Amino acid sequence: MSTFQTMLNMQLSLFAIMMIGFFCRKKGMIDTKTRTMLSDLLINIILPCNIVMSFNIEVTAQLLKAAGTVFVAYMGVQLFSWALSRVAYVKYPMNKQVVMRHATITSNAGFLGNPITQGVFGDIGLMYASIAMIPLRIFLWSAGLSLYTKTDSKSVIKNLITHPCVVAVFVGFAYMFLPFELPVFVTKTLNSVGGCTTAISMIVIGAILADIDLKHIDWKPLCYYSTIRLLIIPGVVFIVMSLLKAEPLVLGVCTLLSGMPAASLSAVLAAKYDQDYGFASQVVFFSTLLSMFTIPIMTLLF
């Protein structure tokens, strides 16, 4: 089966799971409190377990070099996204600018990108994706959060090094170099819990989308933002990394992650800091919906 067919089938499966979350929210089986609890469970427990087990691979010099390349490359992706966000939305009112800039600097690469990358590239792809999330979270807690409130270097460092997914990356690295095998029950537990990542993440996204009011959507800025987030950024990443002759797997992971839709956190922060929550929710909804088509097409590049 081709990569495109694999990705298309996976996207259809993800969409179906997302619709389960959507249905559960509409029927009252998932309320706001439950959705928040599921999000916390995913970020603090399930995803870290999945990340740790993605490092259960043979260590080679080539692997470590590639991991370093991913980190540097995705730091470049984030710098480009940040710079683009500063110039791309100046014609819009400030309330919309803040939302679109935040949703350009950050993305749903953690919730959505990790399971998709693992599905396309396997565990080594997930490992690379986990490393790429470090630069993303650096920008999330610095340039991203500064759009809504003031930040300082101490808070940025604290938020970064204590984030469960970042901690899981370092635990995973330590796991790679252990001179002995972990007990079977430990690896089985981590695999079982981590295996819930895809289902829980898509159910949460579906529940978030169910709260969006579709009657008052401003389509023009949504189309403009989605073009930048889903097409321009990954297109530039693919071209630049191809010219630099990046390793195919590194190229594929970075391109795929850079084309993820807006993060649900953009809407959460907008609500918390009295910004345009309704518009932020529309950005999340529309870009996520379009990504169901753009991501499979993107896989034709590699």
C-alpha atoms as a PDB file:
ATOM      1  CA  MET A   1       0.000   0.000   0.000  1.00  0.00           C
ATOM      2  CA  SER A   2       1.366   3.462  -0.936  1.00  0.00           C
ATOM      3  CA  THR A   3       2.112   6.139   1.669  1.00  0.00           C
ATOM      4  CA  PHE A   4      -0.778   8.183   0.280  1.00  0.00           C
ATOM      5  CA  GLN A   5      -3.248   5.313   0.678  1.00  0.00           C
ATOM      6  CA  THR A   6      -1.940   4.608   4.176  1.00  0.00           C
ATOM      7  CA  MET A   7      -2.316   8.267   5.146  1.00  0.00           C
ATOM      8  CA  LEU A   8      -5.763   8.561   3.562  1.00  0.00           C
ATOM      9  CA  ASN A   9      -7.030   5.509   5.444  1.00  0.00           C
ATOM     10  CA  MET A  10      -5.499   6.808   8.651  1.00  0.00           C
ATOM     11  CA  GLN A  11      -7.067  10.236   8.205  1.00  0.00           C
ATOM     12  CA  LEU A  12     -10.470   8.663   7.584  1.00  0.00           C
ATOM     13  CA  SER A  13     -10.027   6.587  10.737  1.00  0.00           C
ATOM     14  CA  LEU A  14      -8.965   9.670  12.717  1.00  0.00           C
ATOM     15  CA  PHE A  15     -11.947  11.598  11.373  1.00  0.00           C
ATOM     16  CA  ALA A  16     -14.291   8.771  12.406  1.00  0.00           C
ATOM     17  CA  ILE A  17     -12.854   8.758  15.943  1.00  0.00           C
ATOM     18  CA  MET A  18     -13.125  12.546  16.041  1.00  0.00           C
ATOM     19  CA  MET A  19     -16.802  12.253  15.120  1.00  0.00           C
ATOM     20  CA  ILE A  20     -17.281   9.926  18.090  1.00  0.00           C
ATOM     21  CA  GLY A  21     -15.975  12.700  20.336  1.00  0.00           C
ATOM     22  CA  PHE A  22     -18.206  15.194  18.518  1.00  0.00           C
ATOM     23  CA  PHE A  23     -21.251  12.935  19.028  1.00  0.00           C
ATOM     24  CA  CYS A  24     -20.455  12.307  22.698  1.00  0.00           C
ATOM     25  CA  ARG A  25     -20.175  16.050  23.350  1.00  0.00           C
ATOM     26  CA  LYS A  26     -23.447  16.822  21.549  1.00  0.00           C
ATOM     27  CA  LYS A  27     -25.239  14.100  23.513  1.00  0.00           C
ATOM     28  CA  GLY A  28     -23.846  15.305  26.837  1.00  0.00           C
ATOM     29  CA  MET A  29     -21.699  12.239  27.474  1.00  0.00           C
ATOM     30  CA  ILE A  30     -18.659  14.545  27.512  1.00  0.00           C
ATOM     31  CA  ASP A  31     -19.002  17.925  29.205  1.00  0.00           C
ATOM     32  CA  THR A  32     -16.432  20.702  29.531  1.00  0.00           C
ATOM     33  CA  LYS A  33     -15.050  19.287  32.766  1.00  0.00           C
ATOM     34  CA  THR A  34     -14.725  15.780  31.306  1.00  0.00           C
ATOM     35  CA  ARG A  35     -13.021  17.132  28.198  1.00  0.00           C
ATOM     36  CA  THR A  36     -10.513  19.035  30.325  1.00  0.00           C
ATOM     37  CA  MET A  37      -9.833  15.930  32.394  1.00  0.00           C
ATOM     38  CA  LEU A  38      -9.274  13.848  29.246  1.00  0.00           C
ATOM     39  CA  SER A  39      -6.894  16.506  27.899  1.00  0.00           C
ATOM     40  CA  ASP A  40      -4.937  16.476  31.165  1.00  0.00           C
ATOM     41  CA  LEU A  41      -4.828  12.673  31.154  1.00  0.00           C
ATOM     42  CA  LEU A  42      -3.578  12.665  27.575  1.00  0.00           C
ATOM     43  CA  ILE A  43      -0.850  15.271  28.080  1.00  0.00           C
ATOM     44  CA  ASN A  44       0.314  14.163  31.534  1.00  0.00           C
ATOM     45  CA  ILE A  45       0.111  10.367  31.306  1.00  0.00           C
ATOM     46  CA  ILE A  46      -0.851   8.781  27.983  1.00  0.00           C
ATOM     47  CA  LEU A  47       1.293  10.772  25.545  1.00  0.00           C
ATOM     48  CA  PRO A  48       4.416  10.635  27.773  1.00  0.00           C
ATOM     49  CA  CYS A  49       4.107   6.826  27.942  1.00  0.00           C
ATOM     50  CA  ASN A  50       3.839   6.729  24.152  1.00  0.00           C
ATOM     51  CA  ILE A  51       6.887   8.991  23.779  1.00  0.00           C
ATOM     52  CA  VAL A  52       9.043   6.942  26.166  1.00  0.00           C
ATOM     53  CA  MET A  53       8.297   3.708  24.301  1.00  0.00           C
ATOM     54  CA  SER A  54       9.098   5.334  20.942  1.00  0.00           C
ATOM     55  CA  PHE A  55      12.728   5.403  22.124  1.00  0.00           C
ATOM     56  CA  ASN A  56      12.780   1.612  22.413  1.00  0.00           C
ATOM     57  CA  ILE A  57      15.036   1.254  19.372  1.00  0.00           C
ATOM     58  CA  GLU A  58      18.656   0.344  18.705  1.00  0.00           C
ATOM     59  CA  VAL A  59      21.055   3.225  19.273  1.00  0.00           C
ATOM     60  CA  THR A  60      23.350   4.093  16.373  1.00  0.00           C
ATOM     61  CA  ALA A  61      25.531   7.095  15.567  1.00  0.00           C
ATOM     62  CA  GLN A  62      23.340   7.748  12.525  1.00  0.00           C
ATOM     63  CA  LEU A  63      20.198   7.773  14.689  1.00  0.00           C
ATOM     64  CA  LEU A  64      21.666  10.269  17.158  1.00  0.00           C
ATOM     65  CA  LYS A  65      22.861  12.501  14.331  1.00  0.00           C
ATOM     66  CA  ALA A  66      19.406  12.435  12.764  1.00  0.00           C
ATOM     67  CA  ALA A  67      17.799  13.277  16.130  1.00  0.00           C
ATOM     68  CA  GLY A  68      20.052  16.326  16.447  1.00  0.00           C
ATOM     69  CA  THR A  69      19.202  17.323  12.889  1.00  0.00           C
ATOM     70  CA  VAL A  70      15.481  17.129  13.676  1.00  0.00           C
ATOM     71  CA  PHE A  71      15.900  19.428  16.678  1.00  0.00           C
ATOM     72  CA  VAL A  72      17.869  22.034  14.701  1.00  0.00           C
ATOM     73  CA  ALA A  73      15.554  21.773  11.678  1.00  0.00           C
ATOM     74  CA  TYR A  74      12.401  22.229  13.709  1.00  0.00           C
ATOM     75  CA  MET A  75      13.893  25.145  15.588  1.00  0.00           C
ATOM     76  CA  GLY A  76      14.274  26.670  12.121  1.00  0.00           C
ATOM     77  CA  VAL A  77      10.643  25.827  11.331  1.00  0.00           C
ATOM     78  CA  GLN A  78       9.514  27.614  14.489  1.00  0.00           C
ATOM     79  CA  LEU A  79      11.654  30.667  13.788  1.00  0.00           C
ATOM     80  CA  PHE A  80      10.186  30.882  10.290  1.00  0.00           C
ATOM     81  CA  SER A  81       6.629  30.477  11.611  1.00  0.00           C
ATOM     82  CA  TRP A  82       7.222  33.199  14.209  1.00  0.00           C
ATOM     83  CA  ALA A  83       8.673  35.618  11.631  1.00  0.00           C
ATOM     84  CA  LEU A  84       5.831  34.898   9.202  1.00  0.00           C
ATOM     85  CA  SER A  85       3.230  35.480  11.917  1.00  0.00           C
ATOM     86  CA  ARG A  86       4.574  39.001  12.496  1.00  0.00           C
ATOM     87  CA  VAL A  87       3.957  40.141   8.914  1.00  0.00           C
ATOM     88  CA  ALA A  88       1.157  37.973   7.555  1.00  0.00           C
ATOM     89  CA  TYR A  89      -1.837  39.362   9.474  1.00  0.00           C
ATOM     90  CA  VAL A  90      -1.224  43.113   9.798  1.00  0.00           C
ATOM     91  CA  LYS A  91      -4.325  43.954   7.753  1.00  0.00           C
ATOM     92  CA  TYR A  92      -6.636  42.304  10.294  1.00  0.00           C
ATOM     93  CA  PRO A  93      -8.027  43.795  13.527  1.00  0.00           C
ATOM     94  CA  MET A  94      -5.832  43.229  16.574  1.00  0.00           C
ATOM     95  CA  ASN A  95      -8.229  40.723  18.162  1.00  0.00           C
ATOM     96  CA  LYS A  96      -7.953  38.477  15.087  1.00  0.00           C
ATOM     97  CA  GLN A  97      -4.232  39.153  14.669  1.00  0.00           C
ATOM     98  CA  VAL A  98      -3.458  37.805  18.132  1.00  0.00           C
ATOM     99  CA  VAL A  99      -5.351  34.570  17.497  1.00  0.00           C
ATOM    100  CA  MET A 100      -3.897  33.934  14.024  1.00  0.00           C
ATOM    101  CA  ARG A 101      -0.364  34.783  15.123  1.00  0.00           C
ATOM    102  CA  HIS A 102      -0.585  32.362  18.052  1.00  0.00           C
ATOM    103  CA  ALA A 103      -2.069  29.640  15.834  1.00  0.00           C
ATOM    104  CA  THR A 104       0.791  30.154  13.348  1.00  0.00           C
ATOM    105  CA  ILE A 105       3.560  30.017  15.947  1.00  0.00           C
ATOM    106  CA  THR A 106       2.086  26.885  17.493  1.00  0.00           C
ATOM    107  CA  SER A 107       0.093  24.004  16.021  1.00  0.00           C
ATOM    108  CA  ASN A 108      -1.655  20.770  16.928  1.00  0.00           C
ATOM    109  CA  ALA A 109       1.528  18.814  16.183  1.00  0.00           C
ATOM    110  CA  GLY A 110       1.438  17.217  19.644  1.00  0.00           C
ATOM    111  CA  PHE A 111      -2.176  16.011  19.761  1.00  0.00           C
ATOM    112  CA  LEU A 112      -2.573  15.280  16.065  1.00  0.00           C
ATOM    113  CA  GLY A 113       0.965  15.205  14.673  1.00  0.00           C
ATOM    114  CA  ASN A 114       2.398  12.524  16.948  1.00  0.00           C
ATOM    115  CA  PRO A 115      -0.169   9.788  16.145  1.00  0.00           C
ATOM    116  CA  ILE A 116      -0.111  10.663  12.434  1.00  0.00           C
ATOM    117  CA  THR A 117       3.690  10.641  12.279  1.00  0.00           C
ATOM    118  CA  GLN A 118       3.788   7.317  14.083  1.00  0.00           C
ATOM    119  CA  GLY A 119       1.219   5.903  11.661  1.00  0.00           C
ATOM    120  CA  VAL A 120       3.215   6.983   8.605  1.00  0.00           C
ATOM    121  CA  PHE A 121       6.814   6.514   9.765  1.00  0.00           C
ATOM    122  CA  GLY A 122       6.552   4.068  12.681  1.00  0.00           C
ATOM    123  CA  ASP A 123       8.136   4.367  16.139  1.00  0.00           C
ATOM    124  CA  ILE A 124      11.287   6.061  14.876  1.00  0.00           C
ATOM    125  CA  GLY A 125       9.091   8.720  13.266  1.00  0.00           C
ATOM    126  CA  LEU A 126       7.345   9.245  16.608  1.00  0.00           C
ATOM    127  CA  MET A 127      10.727   9.572  18.317  1.00  0.00           C
ATOM    128  CA  TYR A 128      11.790  12.273  15.853  1.00  0.00           C
ATOM    129  CA  ALA A 129       8.417  13.993  16.269  1.00  0.00           C
ATOM    130  CA  SER A 130       8.847  13.987  20.059  1.00  0.00           C
ATOM    131  CA  ILE A 131      12.215  15.720  19.692  1.00  0.00           C
ATOM    132  CA  ALA A 132      10.684  18.263  17.287  1.00  0.00           C
ATOM    133  CA  MET A 133       8.105  19.132  19.934  1.00  0.00           C
ATOM    134  CA  ILE A 134      10.805  20.654  22.154  1.00  0.00           C
ATOM    135  CA  PRO A 135      11.351  23.699  19.873  1.00  0.00           C
ATOM    136  CA  LEU A 136       7.584  23.981  19.409  1.00  0.00           C
ATOM    137  CA  ARG A 137       7.032  24.108  23.165  1.00  0.00           C
ATOM    138  CA  ILE A 138       9.855  26.636  23.603  1.00  0.00           C
ATOM    139  CA  PHE A 139       7.957  28.971  21.274  1.00  0.00           C
ATOM    140  CA  LEU A 140       4.599  28.026  22.807  1.00  0.00           C
ATOM    141  CA  TRP A 141       5.650  29.158  26.281  1.00  0.00           C
ATOM    142  CA  SER A 142       7.597  32.207  25.073  1.00  0.00           C
ATOM    143  CA  ALA A 143       6.564  33.966  21.837  1.00  0.00           C
ATOM    144  CA  GLY A 144       3.145  32.268  21.804  1.00  0.00           C
ATOM    145  CA  LEU A 145       2.143  33.021  25.372  1.00  0.00           C
ATOM    146  CA  SER A 146       3.526  36.581  25.162  1.00  0.00           C
ATOM    147  CA  LEU A 147       0.745  37.387  22.671  1.00  0.00           C
ATOM    148  CA  TYR A 148      -1.787  36.939  25.470  1.00  0.00           C
ATOM    149  CA  THR A 149       0.218  37.972  28.519  1.00  0.00           C
ATOM    150  CA  LYS A 150       3.673  39.012  29.663  1.00  0.00           C
ATOM    151  CA  THR A 151       6.270  36.251  30.007  1.00  0.00           C
ATOM    152  CA  ASP A 152       9.737  36.090  31.533  1.00  0.00           C
ATOM    153  CA  SER A 153      12.655  33.747  30.887  1.00  0.00           C
ATOM    154  CA  LYS A 154      12.263  32.035  34.270  1.00  0.00           C
ATOM    155  CA  SER A 155       8.642  31.080  33.537  1.00  0.00           C
ATOM    156  CA  VAL A 156       9.534  29.891  30.031  1.00  0.00           C
ATOM    157  CA  ILE A 157      12.295  27.604  31.331  1.00  0.00           C
ATOM    158  CA  LYS A 158      10.111  26.265  34.155  1.00  0.00           C
ATOM    159  CA  ASN A 159       7.172  25.511  31.841  1.00  0.00           C
ATOM    160  CA  LEU A 160       9.492  23.807  29.366  1.00  0.00           C
ATOM    161  CA  ILE A 161      11.539  21.544  31.635  1.00  0.00           C
ATOM    162  CA  THR A 162       8.521  20.487  33.716  1.00  0.00           C
ATOM    163  CA  HIS A 163       6.256  19.689  30.763  1.00  0.00           C
ATOM    164  CA  PRO A 164       5.465  15.942  30.945  1.00  0.00           C
ATOM    165  CA  CYS A 165       6.116  15.402  27.238  1.00  0.00           C
ATOM    166  CA  VAL A 166       9.528  17.078  27.417  1.00  0.00           C
ATOM    167  CA  VAL A 167      10.380  15.055  30.530  1.00  0.00           C
ATOM    168  CA  ALA A 168       9.315  11.941  28.598  1.00  0.00           C
ATOM    169  CA  VAL A 169      11.808  12.760  25.844  1.00  0.00           C
ATOM    170  CA  PHE A 170      14.683  12.822  28.335  1.00  0.00           C
ATOM    171  CA  VAL A 171      13.420   9.657  30.031  1.00  0.00           C
ATOM    172  CA  GLY A 172      13.218   8.057  26.591  1.00  0.00           C
ATOM    173  CA  PHE A 173      16.808   9.004  25.827  1.00  0.00           C
ATOM    174  CA  ALA A 174      17.910   7.453  29.134  1.00  0.00           C
ATOM    175  CA  TYR A 175      15.895   4.341  28.268  1.00  0.00           C
ATOM    176  CA  MET A 176      17.772   4.006  24.963  1.00  0.00           C
ATOM    177  CA  PHE A 177      21.101   3.686  26.780  1.00  0.00           C
ATOM    178  CA  LEU A 178      20.051   1.351  29.596  1.00  0.00           C
ATOM    179  CA  PRO A 179      22.487  -1.593  29.816  1.00  0.00           C
ATOM    180  CA  PHE A 180      19.614  -3.934  30.712  1.00  0.00           C
ATOM    181  CA  GLU A 181      16.032  -4.660  29.674  1.00  0.00           C
ATOM    182  CA  LEU A 182      13.153  -3.281  31.704  1.00  0.00           C
ATOM    183  CA  PRO A 183      10.803  -5.847  33.292  1.00  0.00           C
ATOM    184  CA  VAL A 184       8.186  -7.072  30.840  1.00  0.00           C
ATOM    185  CA  PHE A 185       5.279  -5.784  32.941  1.00  0.00           C
ATOM    186  CA  VAL A 186       6.754  -2.262  32.810  1.00  0.00           C
ATOM    187  CA  THR A 187       7.099  -2.146  29.015  1.00  0.00           C
ATOM    188  CA  LYS A 188       3.698  -3.804  28.601  1.00  0.00           C
ATOM    189  CA  THR A 189       2.100  -1.183  30.848  1.00  0.00           C
ATOM    190  CA  LEU A 190       3.785   1.699  28.992  1.00  0.00           C
ATOM    191  CA  ASN A 191       2.761   0.243  25.620  1.00  0.00           C
ATOM    192  CA  SER A 192      -0.837  -0.320  26.739  1.00  0.00           C
ATOM    193  CA  VAL A 193      -1.269   3.183  28.146  1.00  0.00           C
ATOM    194  CA  GLY A 194       0.605   4.856  25.282  1.00  0.00           C
ATOM    195  CA  GLY A 195      -1.488   2.943  22.778  1.00  0.00           C
ATOM    196  CA  CYS A 196      -4.504   5.043  23.794  1.00  0.00           C
ATOM    197  CA  THR A 197      -2.915   8.227  22.406  1.00  0.00           C
ATOM    198  CA  THR A 198      -4.629   8.319  19.027  1.00  0.00           C
ATOM    199  CA  ALA A 199      -8.130   7.465  20.231  1.00  0.00           C
ATOM    200  CA  ILE A 200      -8.156   9.825  23.216  1.00  0.00           C
ATOM    201  CA  SER A 201      -6.578  12.735  21.321  1.00  0.00           C
ATOM    202  CA  MET A 202      -9.118  12.562  18.481  1.00  0.00           C
ATOM    203  CA  ILE A 203     -12.061  12.172  20.868  1.00  0.00           C
ATOM    204  CA  VAL A 204     -10.903  15.322  22.701  1.00  0.00           C
ATOM    205  CA  ILE A 205     -10.542  17.245  19.423  1.00  0.00           C
ATOM    206  CA  GLY A 206     -14.011  16.116  18.345  1.00  0.00           C
ATOM    207  CA  ALA A 207     -15.469  17.272  21.664  1.00  0.00           C
ATOM    208  CA  ILE A 208     -13.794  20.672  21.233  1.00  0.00           C
ATOM    209  CA  LEU A 209     -15.142  21.096  17.700  1.00  0.00           C
ATOM    210  CA  ALA A 210     -18.663  20.268  18.888  1.00  0.00           C
ATOM    211  CA  ASP A 211     -18.737  23.527  20.877  1.00  0.00           C
ATOM    212  CA  ILE A 212     -18.063  25.753  17.869  1.00  0.00           C
ATOM    213  CA  ASP A 213     -20.874  27.928  16.526  1.00  0.00           C
ATOM    214  CA  LEU A 214     -20.930  27.420  12.744  1.00  0.00           C
ATOM    215  CA  LYS A 215     -23.614  30.058  12.116  1.00  0.00           C
ATOM    216  CA  HIS A 216     -21.366  33.098  12.454  1.00  0.00           C
ATOM    217  CA  ILE A 217     -18.159  32.048  10.701  1.00  0.00           C
ATOM    218  CA  ASP A 218     -15.992  34.691   9.019  1.00  0.00           C
ATOM    219  CA  TRP A 219     -14.682  32.583   6.145  1.00  0.00           C
ATOM    220  CA  LYS A 220     -12.151  34.971   4.562  1.00  0.00           C
ATOM    221  CA  PRO A 221      -9.592  35.149   7.427  1.00  0.00           C
ATOM    222  CA  LEU A 222     -10.069  31.425   8.081  1.00  0.00           C
ATOM    223  CA  CYS A 223      -9.186  30.561   4.481  1.00  0.00           C
ATOM    224  CA  TYR A 224      -6.219  32.945   4.557  1.00  0.00           C
ATOM    225  CA  TYR A 225      -4.889  31.543   7.836  1.00  0.00           C
ATOM    226  CA  SER A 226      -5.408  27.917   6.773  1.00  0.00           C
ATOM    227  CA  THR A 227      -3.524  28.513   3.530  1.00  0.00           C
ATOM    228  CA  ILE A 228      -0.534  29.755   5.530  1.00  0.00           C
ATOM    229  CA  ARG A 229      -0.716  27.077   8.231  1.00  0.00           C
ATOM    230  CA  LEU A 230      -1.494  24.052   6.045  1.00  0.00           C
ATOM    231  CA  LEU A 231       0.167  24.873   2.712  1.00  0.00           C
ATOM    232  CA  ILE A 232       2.733  27.687   2.788  1.00  0.00           C
ATOM    233  CA  ILE A 233       4.651  26.673   5.929  1.00  0.00           C
ATOM    234  CA  PRO A 234       5.033  22.959   5.034  1.00  0.00           C
ATOM    235  CA  GLY A 235       5.725  23.903   1.411  1.00  0.00           C
ATOM    236  CA  VAL A 236       8.620  26.158   2.404  1.00  0.00           C
ATOM    237  CA  VAL A 237       9.913  23.553   4.882  1.00  0.00           C
ATOM    238  CA  PHE A 238       9.865  20.848   2.208  1.00  0.00           C
ATOM    239  CA  ILE A 239      11.629  23.003  -0.400  1.00  0.00           C
ATOM    240  CA  VAL A 240      14.339  24.297   1.955  1.00  0.00           C
ATOM    241  CA  MET A 241      15.070  20.901   3.513  1.00  0.00           C
ATOM    242  CA  SER A 242      15.123  19.259   0.069  1.00  0.00           C
ATOM    243  CA  LEU A 243      17.660  21.839  -1.130  1.00  0.00           C
ATOM    244  CA  LEU A 244      19.728  21.113   1.990  1.00  0.00           C
ATOM    245  CA  LYS A 245      19.511  17.395   1.113  1.00  0.00           C
ATOM    246  CA  ALA A 246      18.039  16.361   4.460  1.00  0.00           C
ATOM    247  CA  GLU A 247      17.660  12.656   5.199  1.00  0.00           C
ATOM    248  CA  PRO A 248      14.300  11.478   3.750  1.00  0.00           C
ATOM    249  CA  LEU A 249      12.841  10.468   7.131  1.00  0.00           C
ATOM    250  CA  VAL A 250      13.879  13.755   8.761  1.00  0.00           C
ATOM    251  CA  LEU A 251      12.449  15.639   5.768  1.00  0.00           C
ATOM    252  CA  GLY A 252       9.176  13.738   5.962  1.00  0.00           C
ATOM    253  CA  VAL A 253       8.691  14.152   9.724  1.00  0.00           C
ATOM    254  CA  CYS A 254       9.487  17.887   9.740  1.00  0.00           C
ATOM    255  CA  THR A 255       7.301  18.593   6.699  1.00  0.00           C
ATOM    256  CA  LEU A 256       4.373  16.603   8.071  1.00  0.00           C
ATOM    257  CA  LEU A 257       4.536  18.205  11.512  1.00  0.00           C
ATOM    258  CA  SER A 258       4.842  21.718  10.070  1.00  0.00           C
ATOM    259  CA  GLY A 259       1.557  21.221   8.192  1.00  0.00           C
ATOM    260  CA  MET A 260      -0.579  20.475  11.237  1.00  0.00           C
ATOM    261  CA  PRO A 261      -3.684  22.635  11.960  1.00  0.00           C
ATOM    262  CA  ALA A 262      -4.190  25.171  14.745  1.00  0.00           C
ATOM    263  CA  ALA A 263      -3.789  23.924  18.290  1.00  0.00           C
ATOM    264  CA  SER A 264      -6.878  23.765  20.481  1.00  0.00           C
ATOM    265  CA  LEU A 265      -4.737  25.610  23.041  1.00  0.00           C
ATOM    266  CA  SER A 266      -5.088  28.737  20.895  1.00  0.00           C
ATOM    267  CA  ALA A 267      -8.807  28.781  21.710  1.00  0.00           C
ATOM    268  CA  VAL A 268      -8.236  27.831  25.358  1.00  0.00           C
ATOM    269  CA  LEU A 269      -5.778  30.710  25.905  1.00  0.00           C
ATOM    270  CA  ALA A 270      -8.008  33.147  24.015  1.00  0.00           C
ATOM    271  CA  ALA A 271     -10.822  32.370  26.444  1.00  0.00           C
ATOM    272  CA  LYS A 272      -8.551  32.547  29.485  1.00  0.00           C
ATOM    273  CA  TYR A 273      -7.113  35.956  28.585  1.00  0.00           C
ATOM    274  CA  ASP A 274     -10.335  37.564  27.268  1.00  0.00           C
ATOM    275  CA  GLN A 275      -9.406  37.483  23.594  1.00  0.00           C
ATOM    276  CA  ASP A 276     -11.689  36.516  20.687  1.00  0.00           C
ATOM    277  CA  TYR A 277     -12.513  32.963  21.800  1.00  0.00           C
ATOM    278  CA  GLY A 278     -15.239  32.523  19.176  1.00  0.00           C
ATOM    279  CA  PHE A 279     -12.892  33.351  16.313  1.00  0.00           C
ATOM    280  CA  ALA A 280     -10.119  31.207  17.841  1.00  0.00           C
ATOM    281  CA  SER A 281     -12.517  28.250  17.979  1.00  0.00           C
ATOM    282  CA  GLN A 282     -13.405  28.792  14.317  1.00  0.00           C
ATOM    283  CA  VAL A 283      -9.689  28.812  13.410  1.00  0.00           C
ATOM    284  CA  VAL A 284      -9.227  25.477  15.200  1.00  0.00           C
ATOM    285  CA  PHE A 285     -12.309  23.956  13.596  1.00  0.00           C
ATOM    286  CA  PHE A 286     -11.714  25.090  10.010  1.00  0.00           C
ATOM    287  CA  SER A 287      -7.987  24.312   9.878  1.00  0.00           C
ATOM    288  CA  THR A 288      -8.554  20.889  11.480  1.00  0.00           C
ATOM    289  CA  LEU A 289     -11.279  20.088   8.962  1.00  0.00           C
ATOM    290  CA  LEU A 290      -9.113  21.137   6.002  1.00  0.00           C
ATOM    291  CA  SER A 291      -6.135  19.197   7.352  1.00  0.00           C
ATOM    292  CA  MET A 292      -8.106  15.996   6.795  1.00  0.00           C
ATOM    293  CA  PHE A 293      -7.547  16.665   3.082  1.00  0.00           C
ATOM    294  CA  THR A 294      -4.189  18.478   3.014  1.00  0.00           C
ATOM    295  CA  ILE A 295      -2.241  16.001   5.166  1.00  0.00           C
ATOM    296  CA  PRO A 296      -2.863  12.935   2.926  1.00  0.00           C
ATOM    297  CA  ILE A 297      -1.989  15.041  -0.129  1.00  0.00           C
ATOM    298  CA  MET A 298       1.201  16.182   1.619  1.00  0.00           C
ATOM    299  CA  THR A 299       2.373  12.581   1.903  1.00  0.00           C
ATOM    300  CA  LEU A 300       2.656  12.463  -1.893  1.00  0.00           C
ATOM    301  CA  LEU A 301       5.797  14.573  -1.468  1.00  0.00           C
ATOM    302  CA  PHE A 302       7.691  11.780   0.274  1.00  0.00           C
END
